[in-house]
All heavy atoms as atom14 arrays in JSON, in Angstrom:
{
  "sequence": "PVIGMILHQSAIARFARTLALTFKAGVPLVEALETVAGATGSIVYNDA",
  "atom14_mask": [
    [1, 1, 1, 1, 1, 1, 1, 0, 0, 0, 0, 0, 0, 0],
    [1, 1, 1, 1, 1, 1, 1, 0, 0, 0, 0, 0, 0, 0],
    [1, 1, 1, 1, 1, 1, 1, 1, 0, 0, 0, 0, 0, 0],
    [1, 1, 1, 1, 0, 0, 0, 0, 0, 0, 0, 0, 0, 0],
    [1, 1, 1, 1, 1, 1, 1, 1, 0, 0, 0, 0, 0, 0],
    [1, 1, 1, 1, 1, 1, 1, 1, 0, 0, 0, 0, 0, 0],
    [1, 1, 1, 1, 1, 1, 1, 1, 0, 0, 0, 0, 0, 0],
    [1, 1, 1, 1, 1, 1, 1, 1, 1, 1, 0, 0, 0, 0],
    [1, 1, 1, 1, 1, 1, 1, 1, 1, 0, 0, 0, 0, 0],
    [1, 1, 1, 1, 1, 1, 0, 0, 0, 0, 0, 0, 0, 0],
    [1, 1, 1, 1, 1, 0, 0, 0, 0, 0, 0, 0, 0, 0],
    [1, 1, 1, 1, 1, 1, 1, 1, 0, 0, 0, 0, 0, 0],
    [1, 1, 1, 1, 1, 0, 0, 0, 0, 0, 0, 0, 0, 0],
    [1, 1, 1, 1, 1, 1, 1, 1, 1, 1, 1, 0, 0, 0],
    [1, 1, 1, 1, 1, 1, 1, 1, 1, 1, 1, 0, 0, 0],
    [1, 1, 1, 1, 1, 0, 0, 0, 0, 0, 0, 0, 0, 0],
    [1, 1, 1, 1, 1, 1, 1, 1, 1, 1, 1, 0, 0, 0],
    [1, 1, 1, 1, 1, 1, 1, 0, 0, 0, 0, 0, 0, 0],
    [1, 1, 1, 1, 1, 1, 1, 1, 0, 0, 0, 0, 0, 0],
    [1, 1, 1, 1, 1, 0, 0, 0, 0, 0, 0, 0, 0, 0],
    [1, 1, 1, 1, 1, 1, 1, 1, 0, 0, 0, 0, 0, 0],
    [1, 1, 1, 1, 1, 1, 1, 0, 0, 0, 0, 0, 0, 0],
    [1, 1, 1, 1, 1, 1, 1, 1, 1, 1, 1, 0, 0, 0],
    [1, 1, 1, 1, 1, 1, 1, 1, 1, 0, 0, 0, 0, 0],
    [1, 1, 1, 1, 1, 0, 0, 0, 0, 0, 0, 0, 0, 0],
    [1, 1, 1, 1, 0, 0, 0, 0, 0, 0, 0, 0, 0, 0],
    [1, 1, 1, 1, 1, 1, 1, 0, 0, 0, 0, 0, 0, 0],
    [1, 1, 1, 1, 1, 1, 1, 0, 0, 0, 0, 0, 0, 0],
    [1, 1, 1, 1, 1, 1, 1, 1, 0, 0, 0, 0, 0, 0],
    [1, 1, 1, 1, 1, 1, 1, 0, 0, 0, 0, 0, 0, 0],
    [1, 1, 1, 1, 1, 1, 1, 1, 1, 0, 0, 0, 0, 0],
    [1, 1, 1, 1, 1, 0, 0, 0, 0, 0, 0, 0, 0, 0],
    [1, 1, 1, 1, 1, 1, 1, 1, 0, 0, 0, 0, 0, 0],
    [1, 1, 1, 1, 1, 1, 1, 1, 1, 0, 0, 0, 0, 0],
    [1, 1, 1, 1, 1, 1, 1, 0, 0, 0, 0, 0, 0, 0],
    [1, 1, 1, 1, 1, 1, 1, 0, 0, 0, 0, 0, 0, 0],
    [1, 1, 1, 1, 1, 0, 0, 0, 0, 0, 0, 0, 0, 0],
    [1, 1, 1, 1, 0, 0, 0, 0, 0, 0, 0, 0, 0, 0],
    [1, 1, 1, 1, 1, 0, 0, 0, 0, 0, 0, 0, 0, 0],
    [1, 1, 1, 1, 1, 1, 1, 0, 0, 0, 0, 0, 0, 0],
    [1, 1, 1, 1, 0, 0, 0, 0, 0, 0, 0, 0, 0, 0],
    [1, 1, 1, 1, 1, 1, 0, 0, 0, 0, 0, 0, 0, 0],
    [1, 1, 1, 1, 1, 1, 1, 1, 0, 0, 0, 0, 0, 0],
    [1, 1, 1, 1, 1, 1, 1, 0, 0, 0, 0, 0, 0, 0],
    [1, 1, 1, 1, 1, 1, 1, 1, 1, 1, 1, 1, 0, 0],
    [1, 1, 1, 1, 1, 1, 1, 1, 0, 0, 0, 0, 0, 0],
    [1, 1, 1, 1, 1, 1, 1, 1, 0, 0, 0, 0, 0, 0],
    [1, 1, 1, 1, 1, 0, 0, 0, 0, 0, 0, 0, 0, 0]
  ],
  "atom14_positions": [
    [[158.06, 75.3, -225.9], [157.72, 75.03, -224.49], [157.68, 73.53, -224.23], [157.28, 72.75, -225.09], [156.33, 75.66, -224.34], [155.79, 75.78, -225.73], [156.96, 75.94, -226.63], [0.0, 0.0, 0.0], [0.0, 0.0, 0.0], [0.0, 0.0, 0.0], [0.0, 0.0, 0.0], [0.0, 0.0, 0.0], [0.0, 0.0, 0.0], [0.0, 0.0, 0.0]],
    [[158.1, 73.14, -223.05], [158.12, 71.76, -222.54], [159.09, 70.88, -223.36], [160.06, 70.35, -222.83], [156.71, 71.12, -222.51], [156.79, 69.73, -221.86], [155.74, 72.0, -221.75], [0.0, 0.0, 0.0], [0.0, 0.0, 0.0], [0.0, 0.0, 0.0], [0.0, 0.0, 0.0], [0.0, 0.0, 0.0], [0.0, 0.0, 0.0], [0.0, 0.0, 0.0]],
    [[158.82, 70.73, -224.67], [159.68, 69.88, -225.51], [161.1, 70.44, -225.56], [162.08, 69.69, -225.47], [159.09, 69.75, -226.93], [157.78, 68.97, -226.89], [160.08, 69.05, -227.86], [157.05, 68.9, -228.21], [0.0, 0.0, 0.0], [0.0, 0.0, 0.0], [0.0, 0.0, 0.0], [0.0, 0.0, 0.0], [0.0, 0.0, 0.0], [0.0, 0.0, 0.0]],
    [[161.22, 71.75, -225.69], [162.54, 72.39, -225.7], [163.3, 72.14, -224.41], [164.51, 71.88, -224.43], [0.0, 0.0, 0.0], [0.0, 0.0, 0.0], [0.0, 0.0, 0.0], [0.0, 0.0, 0.0], [0.0, 0.0, 0.0], [0.0, 0.0, 0.0], [0.0, 0.0, 0.0], [0.0, 0.0, 0.0], [0.0, 0.0, 0.0], [0.0, 0.0, 0.0]],
    [[162.57, 72.21, -223.28], [163.21, 71.96, -221.98], [163.73, 70.51, -221.9], [164.83, 70.25, -221.4], [162.21, 72.21, -220.86], [162.77, 72.03, -219.46], [161.55, 72.34, -218.18], [160.37, 71.02, -218.49], [0.0, 0.0, 0.0], [0.0, 0.0, 0.0], [0.0, 0.0, 0.0], [0.0, 0.0, 0.0], [0.0, 0.0, 0.0], [0.0, 0.0, 0.0]],
    [[162.93, 69.56, -222.42], [163.35, 68.15, -222.41], [164.6, 67.96, -223.26], [165.54, 67.25, -222.87], [162.2, 67.25, -222.91], [161.05, 67.23, -221.9], [162.7, 65.83, -223.16], [159.82, 66.49, -222.39], [0.0, 0.0, 0.0], [0.0, 0.0, 0.0], [0.0, 0.0, 0.0], [0.0, 0.0, 0.0], [0.0, 0.0, 0.0], [0.0, 0.0, 0.0]],
    [[164.65, 68.61, -224.43], [165.81, 68.49, -225.32], [167.05, 69.12, -224.67], [168.16, 68.59, -224.81], [165.51, 69.15, -226.67], [164.42, 68.47, -227.5], [164.14, 69.26, -228.77], [164.82, 67.04, -227.87], [0.0, 0.0, 0.0], [0.0, 0.0, 0.0], [0.0, 0.0, 0.0], [0.0, 0.0, 0.0], [0.0, 0.0, 0.0], [0.0, 0.0, 0.0]],
    [[166.87, 70.25, -223.96], [167.99, 70.87, -223.23], [168.53, 69.91, -222.18], [169.74, 69.68, -222.09], [167.51, 72.16, -222.55], [167.68, 73.4, -223.38], [168.91, 73.88, -223.77], [166.76, 74.25, -223.89], [168.74, 74.99, -224.49], [167.45, 75.23, -224.58], [0.0, 0.0, 0.0], [0.0, 0.0, 0.0], [0.0, 0.0, 0.0], [0.0, 0.0, 0.0]],
    [[167.62, 69.37, -221.37], [168.03, 68.46, -220.29], [168.71, 67.21, -220.83], [169.7, 66.73, -220.27], [166.81, 68.09, -219.45], [166.23, 69.25, -218.66], [164.87, 68.94, -218.08], [164.21, 67.98, -218.48], [164.43, 69.75, -217.12], [0.0, 0.0, 0.0], [0.0, 0.0, 0.0], [0.0, 0.0, 0.0], [0.0, 0.0, 0.0], [0.0, 0.0, 0.0]],
    [[168.18, 66.7, -221.93], [168.76, 65.5, -222.55], [170.18, 65.78, -223.05], [171.09, 64.96, -222.86], [167.87, 65.04, -223.7], [168.49, 64.02, -224.44], [0.0, 0.0, 0.0], [0.0, 0.0, 0.0], [0.0, 0.0, 0.0], [0.0, 0.0, 0.0], [0.0, 0.0, 0.0], [0.0, 0.0, 0.0], [0.0, 0.0, 0.0], [0.0, 0.0, 0.0]],
    [[170.37, 66.92, -223.72], [171.7, 67.27, -224.24], [172.71, 67.45, -223.11], [173.86, 66.99, -223.21], [171.61, 68.54, -225.08], [0.0, 0.0, 0.0], [0.0, 0.0, 0.0], [0.0, 0.0, 0.0], [0.0, 0.0, 0.0], [0.0, 0.0, 0.0], [0.0, 0.0, 0.0], [0.0, 0.0, 0.0], [0.0, 0.0, 0.0], [0.0, 0.0, 0.0]],
    [[172.29, 68.08, -222.01], [173.19, 68.29, -220.86], [173.55, 66.95, -220.22], [174.7, 66.7, -219.86], [172.54, 69.23, -219.83], [172.41, 70.64, -220.42], [173.35, 69.27, -218.54], [171.57, 71.59, -219.58], [0.0, 0.0, 0.0], [0.0, 0.0, 0.0], [0.0, 0.0, 0.0], [0.0, 0.0, 0.0], [0.0, 0.0, 0.0], [0.0, 0.0, 0.0]],
    [[172.55, 66.06, -220.09], [172.8, 64.73, -219.51], [173.8, 63.95, -220.35], [174.73, 63.33, -219.81], [171.48, 63.97, -219.38], [0.0, 0.0, 0.0], [0.0, 0.0, 0.0], [0.0, 0.0, 0.0], [0.0, 0.0, 0.0], [0.0, 0.0, 0.0], [0.0, 0.0, 0.0], [0.0, 0.0, 0.0], [0.0, 0.0, 0.0], [0.0, 0.0, 0.0]],
    [[173.63, 63.99, -221.67], [174.55, 63.26, -222.54], [175.95, 63.88, -222.53], [176.96, 63.16, -222.56], [173.99, 63.21, -223.97], [172.99, 62.09, -224.16], [172.55, 61.95, -225.6], [171.53, 62.93, -225.93], [170.79, 62.9, -227.02], [170.96, 61.96, -227.9], [169.88, 63.82, -227.25], [0.0, 0.0, 0.0], [0.0, 0.0, 0.0], [0.0, 0.0, 0.0]],
    [[176.0, 65.22, -222.49], [177.3, 65.91, -222.42], [178.04, 65.48, -221.15], [179.22, 65.11, -221.2], [177.07, 67.42, -222.42], [178.26, 68.22, -221.96], [179.3, 68.51, -222.83], [178.34, 68.68, -220.65], [180.4, 69.24, -222.4], [179.44, 69.41, -220.22], [180.47, 69.69, -221.09], [0.0, 0.0, 0.0], [0.0, 0.0, 0.0], [0.0, 0.0, 0.0]],
    [[177.35, 65.53, -220.01], [178.0, 65.23, -218.73], [178.44, 63.77, -218.65], [179.57, 63.47, -218.24], [177.04, 65.56, -217.58], [0.0, 0.0, 0.0], [0.0, 0.0, 0.0], [0.0, 0.0, 0.0], [0.0, 0.0, 0.0], [0.0, 0.0, 0.0], [0.0, 0.0, 0.0], [0.0, 0.0, 0.0], [0.0, 0.0, 0.0], [0.0, 0.0, 0.0]],
    [[177.56, 62.85, -219.04], [177.9, 61.42, -218.93], [179.03, 61.05, -219.91], [179.94, 60.3, -219.56], [176.66, 60.56, -219.18], [176.93, 59.06, -218.98], [175.65, 58.27, -218.9], [174.88, 58.56, -217.72], [175.15, 58.06, -216.51], [176.19, 57.26, -216.32], [174.39, 58.36, -215.48], [0.0, 0.0, 0.0], [0.0, 0.0, 0.0], [0.0, 0.0, 0.0]],
    [[178.97, 61.57, -221.13], [180.0, 61.24, -222.13], [181.35, 61.8, -221.73], [182.38, 61.12, -221.82], [179.6, 61.78, -223.51], [178.26, 61.37, -223.82], [180.52, 61.24, -224.59], [0.0, 0.0, 0.0], [0.0, 0.0, 0.0], [0.0, 0.0, 0.0], [0.0, 0.0, 0.0], [0.0, 0.0, 0.0], [0.0, 0.0, 0.0], [0.0, 0.0, 0.0]],
    [[181.37, 63.05, -221.24], [182.64, 63.66, -220.83], [183.21, 62.94, -219.61], [184.43, 62.71, -219.53], [182.44, 65.15, -220.53], [183.7, 65.94, -220.19], [184.73, 65.82, -221.31], [183.37, 67.41, -219.94], [0.0, 0.0, 0.0], [0.0, 0.0, 0.0], [0.0, 0.0, 0.0], [0.0, 0.0, 0.0], [0.0, 0.0, 0.0], [0.0, 0.0, 0.0]],
    [[182.34, 62.56, -218.67], [182.8, 61.82, -217.49], [183.42, 60.49, -217.9], [184.48, 60.09, -217.38], [181.63, 61.59, -216.53], [0.0, 0.0, 0.0], [0.0, 0.0, 0.0], [0.0, 0.0, 0.0], [0.0, 0.0, 0.0], [0.0, 0.0, 0.0], [0.0, 0.0, 0.0], [0.0, 0.0, 0.0], [0.0, 0.0, 0.0], [0.0, 0.0, 0.0]],
    [[182.78, 59.82, -218.83], [183.26, 58.51, -219.28], [184.61, 58.62, -219.98], [185.54, 57.85, -219.7], [182.21, 57.89, -220.2], [182.48, 56.48, -220.73], [182.58, 55.5, -219.58], [181.36, 56.06, -221.68], [0.0, 0.0, 0.0], [0.0, 0.0, 0.0], [0.0, 0.0, 0.0], [0.0, 0.0, 0.0], [0.0, 0.0, 0.0], [0.0, 0.0, 0.0]],
    [[184.74, 59.57, -220.9], [185.99, 59.72, -221.65], [187.12, 60.19, -220.74], [188.26, 59.72, -220.85], [185.82, 60.72, -222.81], [185.2, 61.92, -222.31], [184.95, 60.15, -223.9], [0.0, 0.0, 0.0], [0.0, 0.0, 0.0], [0.0, 0.0, 0.0], [0.0, 0.0, 0.0], [0.0, 0.0, 0.0], [0.0, 0.0, 0.0], [0.0, 0.0, 0.0]],
    [[186.81, 61.11, -219.82], [187.83, 61.63, -218.9], [188.32, 60.53, -217.96], [189.51, 60.4, -217.68], [187.25, 62.8, -218.11], [188.29, 63.59, -217.34], [189.15, 64.44, -218.0], [188.39, 63.45, -215.97], [190.11, 65.16, -217.29], [189.34, 64.16, -215.26], [190.21, 65.02, -215.92], [0.0, 0.0, 0.0], [0.0, 0.0, 0.0], [0.0, 0.0, 0.0]],
    [[187.37, 59.71, -217.48], [187.71, 58.62, -216.57], [188.58, 57.57, -217.28], [189.43, 56.92, -216.65], [186.43, 57.97, -216.04], [186.65, 56.92, -214.96], [185.33, 56.38, -214.45], [185.55, 55.34, -213.36], [184.25, 54.8, -212.86], [0.0, 0.0, 0.0], [0.0, 0.0, 0.0], [0.0, 0.0, 0.0], [0.0, 0.0, 0.0], [0.0, 0.0, 0.0]],
    [[188.34, 57.4, -218.59], [189.11, 56.41, -219.35], [190.53, 56.88, -219.67], [191.33, 56.12, -220.21], [188.39, 56.08, -220.65], [0.0, 0.0, 0.0], [0.0, 0.0, 0.0], [0.0, 0.0, 0.0], [0.0, 0.0, 0.0], [0.0, 0.0, 0.0], [0.0, 0.0, 0.0], [0.0, 0.0, 0.0], [0.0, 0.0, 0.0], [0.0, 0.0, 0.0]],
    [[190.83, 58.15, -219.33], [192.18, 58.65, -219.55], [192.38, 59.41, -220.84], [193.52, 59.72, -221.21], [0.0, 0.0, 0.0], [0.0, 0.0, 0.0], [0.0, 0.0, 0.0], [0.0, 0.0, 0.0], [0.0, 0.0, 0.0], [0.0, 0.0, 0.0], [0.0, 0.0, 0.0], [0.0, 0.0, 0.0], [0.0, 0.0, 0.0], [0.0, 0.0, 0.0]],
    [[191.28, 59.74, -221.54], [191.39, 60.52, -222.78], [191.69, 61.98, -222.4], [191.02, 62.54, -221.51], [190.08, 60.45, -223.6], [190.18, 61.28, -224.87], [189.75, 59.0, -223.92], [0.0, 0.0, 0.0], [0.0, 0.0, 0.0], [0.0, 0.0, 0.0], [0.0, 0.0, 0.0], [0.0, 0.0, 0.0], [0.0, 0.0, 0.0], [0.0, 0.0, 0.0]],
    [[192.67, 62.63, -223.02], [192.95, 64.04, -222.72], [191.7, 64.91, -222.91], [190.9, 64.65, -223.8], [194.03, 64.41, -223.73], [194.68, 63.11, -224.08], [193.6, 62.08, -224.01], [0.0, 0.0, 0.0], [0.0, 0.0, 0.0], [0.0, 0.0, 0.0], [0.0, 0.0, 0.0], [0.0, 0.0, 0.0], [0.0, 0.0, 0.0], [0.0, 0.0, 0.0]],
    [[191.57, 65.95, -222.06], [190.34, 66.74, -222.01], [189.99, 67.37, -223.36], [188.82, 67.34, -223.77], [190.45, 67.82, -220.93], [189.2, 68.65, -220.66], [188.02, 67.76, -220.31], [189.44, 69.67, -219.55], [0.0, 0.0, 0.0], [0.0, 0.0, 0.0], [0.0, 0.0, 0.0], [0.0, 0.0, 0.0], [0.0, 0.0, 0.0], [0.0, 0.0, 0.0]],
    [[190.97, 67.94, -224.04], [190.7, 68.59, -225.33], [190.18, 67.58, -226.34], [189.2, 67.82, -227.06], [191.97, 69.3, -225.86], [191.72, 69.85, -227.26], [192.36, 70.44, -224.92], [0.0, 0.0, 0.0], [0.0, 0.0, 0.0], [0.0, 0.0, 0.0], [0.0, 0.0, 0.0], [0.0, 0.0, 0.0], [0.0, 0.0, 0.0], [0.0, 0.0, 0.0]],
    [[190.83, 66.42, -226.41], [190.4, 65.37, -227.33], [189.03, 64.82, -226.91], [188.19, 64.52, -227.76], [191.44, 64.24, -227.34], [191.16, 63.16, -228.37], [192.19, 62.05, -228.36], [193.28, 62.27, -227.81], [191.89, 60.96, -228.88], [0.0, 0.0, 0.0], [0.0, 0.0, 0.0], [0.0, 0.0, 0.0], [0.0, 0.0, 0.0], [0.0, 0.0, 0.0]],
    [[188.81, 64.72, -225.6], [187.53, 64.23, -225.1], [186.39, 65.17, -225.49], [185.31, 64.72, -225.88], [187.59, 64.08, -223.58], [0.0, 0.0, 0.0], [0.0, 0.0, 0.0], [0.0, 0.0, 0.0], [0.0, 0.0, 0.0], [0.0, 0.0, 0.0], [0.0, 0.0, 0.0], [0.0, 0.0, 0.0], [0.0, 0.0, 0.0], [0.0, 0.0, 0.0]],
    [[186.63, 66.47, -225.4], [185.58, 67.45, -225.74], [185.2, 67.36, -227.21], [184.03, 67.51, -227.57], [186.06, 68.86, -225.4], [186.06, 69.21, -223.9], [186.82, 70.49, -223.65], [184.62, 69.33, -223.38], [0.0, 0.0, 0.0], [0.0, 0.0, 0.0], [0.0, 0.0, 0.0], [0.0, 0.0, 0.0], [0.0, 0.0, 0.0], [0.0, 0.0, 0.0]],
    [[186.18, 67.1, -228.06], [185.88, 66.95, -229.49], [184.98, 65.74, -229.74], [184.07, 65.79, -230.56], [187.19, 66.82, -230.27], [186.99, 66.87, -231.78], [188.29, 67.01, -232.53], [189.35, 67.23, -231.9], [188.26, 66.88, -233.76], [0.0, 0.0, 0.0], [0.0, 0.0, 0.0], [0.0, 0.0, 0.0], [0.0, 0.0, 0.0], [0.0, 0.0, 0.0]],
    [[185.22, 64.66, -228.99], [184.38, 63.47, -229.11], [183.0, 63.72, -228.54], [181.99, 63.3, -229.1], [185.05, 62.29, -228.37], [186.37, 62.11, -228.87], [184.26, 61.02, -228.56], [0.0, 0.0, 0.0], [0.0, 0.0, 0.0], [0.0, 0.0, 0.0], [0.0, 0.0, 0.0], [0.0, 0.0, 0.0], [0.0, 0.0, 0.0], [0.0, 0.0, 0.0]],
    [[182.95, 64.42, -227.41], [181.68, 64.69, -226.71], [180.76, 65.55, -227.56], [179.53, 65.38, -227.52], [181.97, 65.37, -225.35], [180.68, 65.9, -224.72], [182.64, 64.39, -224.41], [0.0, 0.0, 0.0], [0.0, 0.0, 0.0], [0.0, 0.0, 0.0], [0.0, 0.0, 0.0], [0.0, 0.0, 0.0], [0.0, 0.0, 0.0], [0.0, 0.0, 0.0]],
    [[181.33, 66.47, -228.33], [180.51, 67.4, -229.12], [179.53, 66.66, -230.02], [178.35, 67.04, -230.12], [181.42, 68.3, -229.96], [0.0, 0.0, 0.0], [0.0, 0.0, 0.0], [0.0, 0.0, 0.0], [0.0, 0.0, 0.0], [0.0, 0.0, 0.0], [0.0, 0.0, 0.0], [0.0, 0.0, 0.0], [0.0, 0.0, 0.0], [0.0, 0.0, 0.0]],
    [[179.97, 65.59, -230.64], [179.09, 64.85, -231.54], [178.1, 63.95, -230.81], [177.16, 63.44, -231.44], [0.0, 0.0, 0.0], [0.0, 0.0, 0.0], [0.0, 0.0, 0.0], [0.0, 0.0, 0.0], [0.0, 0.0, 0.0], [0.0, 0.0, 0.0], [0.0, 0.0, 0.0], [0.0, 0.0, 0.0], [0.0, 0.0, 0.0], [0.0, 0.0, 0.0]],
    [[178.28, 63.77, -229.5], [177.41, 62.86, -228.75], [176.26, 63.59, -228.05], [175.41, 62.94, -227.44], [178.23, 62.11, -227.7], [0.0, 0.0, 0.0], [0.0, 0.0, 0.0], [0.0, 0.0, 0.0], [0.0, 0.0, 0.0], [0.0, 0.0, 0.0], [0.0, 0.0, 0.0], [0.0, 0.0, 0.0], [0.0, 0.0, 0.0], [0.0, 0.0, 0.0]],
    [[176.21, 64.92, -228.15], [175.16, 65.66, -227.45], [173.8, 65.54, -228.13], [172.76, 65.77, -227.5], [175.53, 67.16, -227.35], [175.76, 67.66, -228.67], [176.77, 67.36, -226.49], [0.0, 0.0, 0.0], [0.0, 0.0, 0.0], [0.0, 0.0, 0.0], [0.0, 0.0, 0.0], [0.0, 0.0, 0.0], [0.0, 0.0, 0.0], [0.0, 0.0, 0.0]],
    [[173.8, 65.19, -229.43], [172.53, 65.05, -230.15], [171.9, 66.35, -230.57], [170.75, 66.38, -230.99], [0.0, 0.0, 0.0], [0.0, 0.0, 0.0], [0.0, 0.0, 0.0], [0.0, 0.0, 0.0], [0.0, 0.0, 0.0], [0.0, 0.0, 0.0], [0.0, 0.0, 0.0], [0.0, 0.0, 0.0], [0.0, 0.0, 0.0], [0.0, 0.0, 0.0]],
    [[172.64, 67.45, -230.46], [172.12, 68.77, -230.82], [173.24, 69.58, -231.46], [174.34, 69.68, -230.89], [171.59, 69.49, -229.57], [171.44, 70.87, -229.81], [0.0, 0.0, 0.0], [0.0, 0.0, 0.0], [0.0, 0.0, 0.0], [0.0, 0.0, 0.0], [0.0, 0.0, 0.0], [0.0, 0.0, 0.0], [0.0, 0.0, 0.0], [0.0, 0.0, 0.0]],
    [[172.97, 70.16, -232.62], [174.02, 70.93, -233.3], [174.34, 72.21, -232.54], [175.46, 72.71, -232.58], [173.61, 71.23, -234.77], [174.83, 71.7, -235.56], [172.48, 72.24, -234.83], [174.62, 71.73, -237.05], [0.0, 0.0, 0.0], [0.0, 0.0, 0.0], [0.0, 0.0, 0.0], [0.0, 0.0, 0.0], [0.0, 0.0, 0.0], [0.0, 0.0, 0.0]],
    [[173.35, 72.76, -231.8], [173.6, 73.94, -230.99], [174.6, 73.62, -229.88], [175.57, 74.35, -229.65], [172.28, 74.48, -230.39], [172.55, 75.6, -229.39], [171.36, 74.99, -231.5], [0.0, 0.0, 0.0], [0.0, 0.0, 0.0], [0.0, 0.0, 0.0], [0.0, 0.0, 0.0], [0.0, 0.0, 0.0], [0.0, 0.0, 0.0], [0.0, 0.0, 0.0]],
    [[174.37, 72.5, -229.2], [175.3, 72.07, -228.14], [176.63, 71.61, -228.74], [177.68, 71.77, -228.11], [174.67, 70.97, -227.3], [173.8, 71.5, -226.19], [172.45, 71.77, -226.41], [174.32, 71.76, -224.93], [171.65, 72.28, -225.41], [173.52, 72.27, -223.92], [172.19, 72.53, -224.15], [171.4, 73.04, -223.15], [0.0, 0.0, 0.0], [0.0, 0.0, 0.0]],
    [[176.59, 71.04, -229.94], [177.82, 70.64, -230.63], [178.71, 71.85, -230.86], [179.91, 71.81, -230.57], [177.46, 69.98, -231.96], [178.68, 69.54, -232.74], [179.21, 68.47, -232.53], [179.16, 70.4, -233.64], [0.0, 0.0, 0.0], [0.0, 0.0, 0.0], [0.0, 0.0, 0.0], [0.0, 0.0, 0.0], [0.0, 0.0, 0.0], [0.0, 0.0, 0.0]],
    [[178.13, 72.94, -231.36], [178.89, 74.17, -231.59], [179.44, 74.73, -230.28], [180.58, 75.2, -230.2], [178.02, 75.22, -232.27], [177.63, 74.81, -233.69], [178.26, 73.89, -234.23], [176.68, 75.41, -234.24], [0.0, 0.0, 0.0], [0.0, 0.0, 0.0], [0.0, 0.0, 0.0], [0.0, 0.0, 0.0], [0.0, 0.0, 0.0], [0.0, 0.0, 0.0]],
    [[178.6, 74.67, -229.21], [179.01, 75.2, -227.91], [180.19, 74.4, -227.35], [181.15, 74.98, -226.82], [177.83, 75.16, -226.94], [0.0, 0.0, 0.0], [0.0, 0.0, 0.0], [0.0, 0.0, 0.0], [0.0, 0.0, 0.0], [0.0, 0.0, 0.0], [0.0, 0.0, 0.0], [0.0, 0.0, 0.0], [0.0, 0.0, 0.0], [0.0, 0.0, 0.0]]
  ]
}
């Protein structure tokens, strides 16, 4: 409780910002997603 919600929100924020940044820089989406996976800070989100 509470801490789990913060970790969820943090992982989503990092996923969205990292994917936006890589996509804007011109990195292909599939390659960008592979890079984004390691930047989420959570192995559950990494697998997803």
